[in-house]
Amino acid sequence: MTPNQVKGIITRAGKDTKIILLGDPQQIDKPFLDEKTNGLSYAAKFMKESPYCWQITLSADECERSELAMDAVQRL
């Protein structure tokens, strides 16, 4: 998603709403975004110090992907 899309989702959250953004910032399907300019990275960067947000970052060896998927991530 784009930064505008993630902003649109988060800024419309109602009282007691929980939003979970889950993804791999390196897996980008849009030609005009990259791992630093996509919505997930944008939200992680700007919401980092918020008392309402928690972030968990997994390393590659903690991810539950098939060997094929991990090989493709590294090669493509």
C-alpha atoms as a PDB file:
ATOM      1  CA  MET A   1       0.000   0.000   0.000  1.00  0.00           C
ATOM      2  CA  THR A   2       1.036   3.595  -0.411  1.00  0.00           C
ATOM      3  CA  PRO A   3       1.757   6.027   2.425  1.00  0.00           C
ATOM      4  CA  ASN A   4      -1.543   7.822   1.636  1.00  0.00           C
ATOM      5  CA  GLN A   5      -3.480   4.567   1.893  1.00  0.00           C
ATOM      6  CA  VAL A   6      -1.976   3.632   5.250  1.00  0.00           C
ATOM      7  CA  LYS A   7      -2.598   7.172   6.519  1.00  0.00           C
ATOM      8  CA  GLY A   8      -6.208   6.873   5.379  1.00  0.00           C
ATOM      9  CA  ILE A   9      -6.644   3.660   7.343  1.00  0.00           C
ATOM     10  CA  ILE A  10      -4.961   4.788  10.564  1.00  0.00           C
ATOM     11  CA  THR A  11      -6.526   8.259  10.706  1.00  0.00           C
ATOM     12  CA  ARG A  12     -10.030   6.783  10.454  1.00  0.00           C
ATOM     13  CA  ALA A  13      -9.675   4.435  13.406  1.00  0.00           C
ATOM     14  CA  GLY A  14     -12.524   4.685  15.886  1.00  0.00           C
ATOM     15  CA  LYS A  15     -12.383   4.416  19.657  1.00  0.00           C
ATOM     16  CA  ASP A  16     -10.966   1.079  20.877  1.00  0.00           C
ATOM     17  CA  THR A  17      -9.981   0.111  17.329  1.00  0.00           C
ATOM     18  CA  LYS A  18      -6.946  -2.071  16.833  1.00  0.00           C
ATOM     19  CA  ILE A  19      -5.114  -2.020  13.526  1.00  0.00           C
ATOM     20  CA  ILE A  20      -2.529  -4.599  12.615  1.00  0.00           C
ATOM     21  CA  LEU A  21      -0.223  -3.852   9.712  1.00  0.00           C
ATOM     22  CA  LEU A  22       1.634  -6.977   8.748  1.00  0.00           C
ATOM     23  CA  GLY A  23       3.980  -7.444   5.854  1.00  0.00           C
ATOM     24  CA  ASP A  24       7.427  -7.475   4.388  1.00  0.00           C
ATOM     25  CA  PRO A  25       8.615  -4.002   3.338  1.00  0.00           C
ATOM     26  CA  GLN A  26      10.841  -5.603   0.711  1.00  0.00           C
ATOM     27  CA  GLN A  27       7.948  -7.294  -1.100  1.00  0.00           C
ATOM     28  CA  ILE A  28       6.668  -4.492  -3.284  1.00  0.00           C
ATOM     29  CA  ASP A  29       4.206  -4.939  -6.153  1.00  0.00           C
ATOM     30  CA  LYS A  30       4.056  -1.310  -7.262  1.00  0.00           C
ATOM     31  CA  PRO A  31       6.789   0.053  -9.554  1.00  0.00           C
ATOM     32  CA  PHE A  32       6.678   3.498  -7.934  1.00  0.00           C
ATOM     33  CA  LEU A  33       7.306   2.233  -4.370  1.00  0.00           C
ATOM     34  CA  ASP A  34      10.323   0.618  -2.767  1.00  0.00           C
ATOM     35  CA  GLU A  35      11.186  -0.832   0.645  1.00  0.00           C
ATOM     36  CA  LYS A  36      11.615   2.655   2.131  1.00  0.00           C
ATOM     37  CA  THR A  37       8.684   4.478   0.512  1.00  0.00           C
ATOM     38  CA  ASN A  38       5.843   1.956   0.907  1.00  0.00           C
ATOM     39  CA  GLY A  39       3.015   2.406   3.394  1.00  0.00           C
ATOM     40  CA  LEU A  40       4.273  -0.191   5.859  1.00  0.00           C
ATOM     41  CA  SER A  41       7.689   1.471   6.141  1.00  0.00           C
ATOM     42  CA  TYR A  42       6.036   4.903   6.287  1.00  0.00           C
ATOM     43  CA  ALA A  43       3.802   3.893   9.200  1.00  0.00           C
ATOM     44  CA  ALA A  44       6.665   2.178  11.024  1.00  0.00           C
ATOM     45  CA  LYS A  45       8.853   5.272  10.709  1.00  0.00           C
ATOM     46  CA  PHE A  46       6.353   7.931  11.716  1.00  0.00           C
ATOM     47  CA  MET A  47       4.393   5.988  14.357  1.00  0.00           C
ATOM     48  CA  LYS A  48       7.525   4.617  16.062  1.00  0.00           C
ATOM     49  CA  GLU A  49       7.425   6.865  19.144  1.00  0.00           C
ATOM     50  CA  SER A  50       3.645   6.843  19.521  1.00  0.00           C
ATOM     51  CA  PRO A  51       2.381   5.570  22.888  1.00  0.00           C
ATOM     52  CA  TYR A  52      -0.458   3.863  20.985  1.00  0.00           C
ATOM     53  CA  CYS A  53       1.714   1.702  18.715  1.00  0.00           C
ATOM     54  CA  TRP A  54       3.836  -1.388  19.156  1.00  0.00           C
ATOM     55  CA  GLN A  55       6.180  -2.698  16.533  1.00  0.00           C
ATOM     56  CA  ILE A  56       7.732  -6.108  16.113  1.00  0.00           C
ATOM     57  CA  THR A  57      10.391  -6.726  13.489  1.00  0.00           C
ATOM     58  CA  LEU A  58      11.414 -10.252  12.606  1.00  0.00           C
ATOM     59  CA  SER A  59      14.739 -11.249  11.109  1.00  0.00           C
ATOM     60  CA  ALA A  60      14.846 -13.432   8.002  1.00  0.00           C
ATOM     61  CA  ASP A  61      15.562 -16.577  10.025  1.00  0.00           C
ATOM     62  CA  GLU A  62      12.446 -15.986  12.143  1.00  0.00           C
ATOM     63  CA  CYS A  63      10.106 -15.848   9.150  1.00  0.00           C
ATOM     64  CA  GLU A  64       7.836 -18.756   8.316  1.00  0.00           C
ATOM     65  CA  ARG A  65       8.392 -18.956   4.585  1.00  0.00           C
ATOM     66  CA  SER A  66       9.081 -21.951   2.434  1.00  0.00           C
ATOM     67  CA  GLU A  67      12.593 -22.533   1.147  1.00  0.00           C
ATOM     68  CA  LEU A  68      11.327 -21.605  -2.313  1.00  0.00           C
ATOM     69  CA  ALA A  69       9.911 -18.283  -1.069  1.00  0.00           C
ATOM     70  CA  MET A  70      13.097 -17.394   0.820  1.00  0.00           C
ATOM     71  CA  ASP A  71      15.226 -18.267  -2.216  1.00  0.00           C
ATOM     72  CA  ALA A  72      13.024 -16.091  -4.440  1.00  0.00           C
ATOM     73  CA  VAL A  73      13.248 -13.149  -1.994  1.00  0.00           C
ATOM     74  CA  GLN A  74      17.014 -13.268  -2.224  1.00  0.00           C
ATOM     75  CA  ARG A  75      17.180 -13.790  -6.002  1.00  0.00           C
ATOM     76  CA  LEU A  76      14.403 -11.591  -7.396  1.00  0.00           C
END
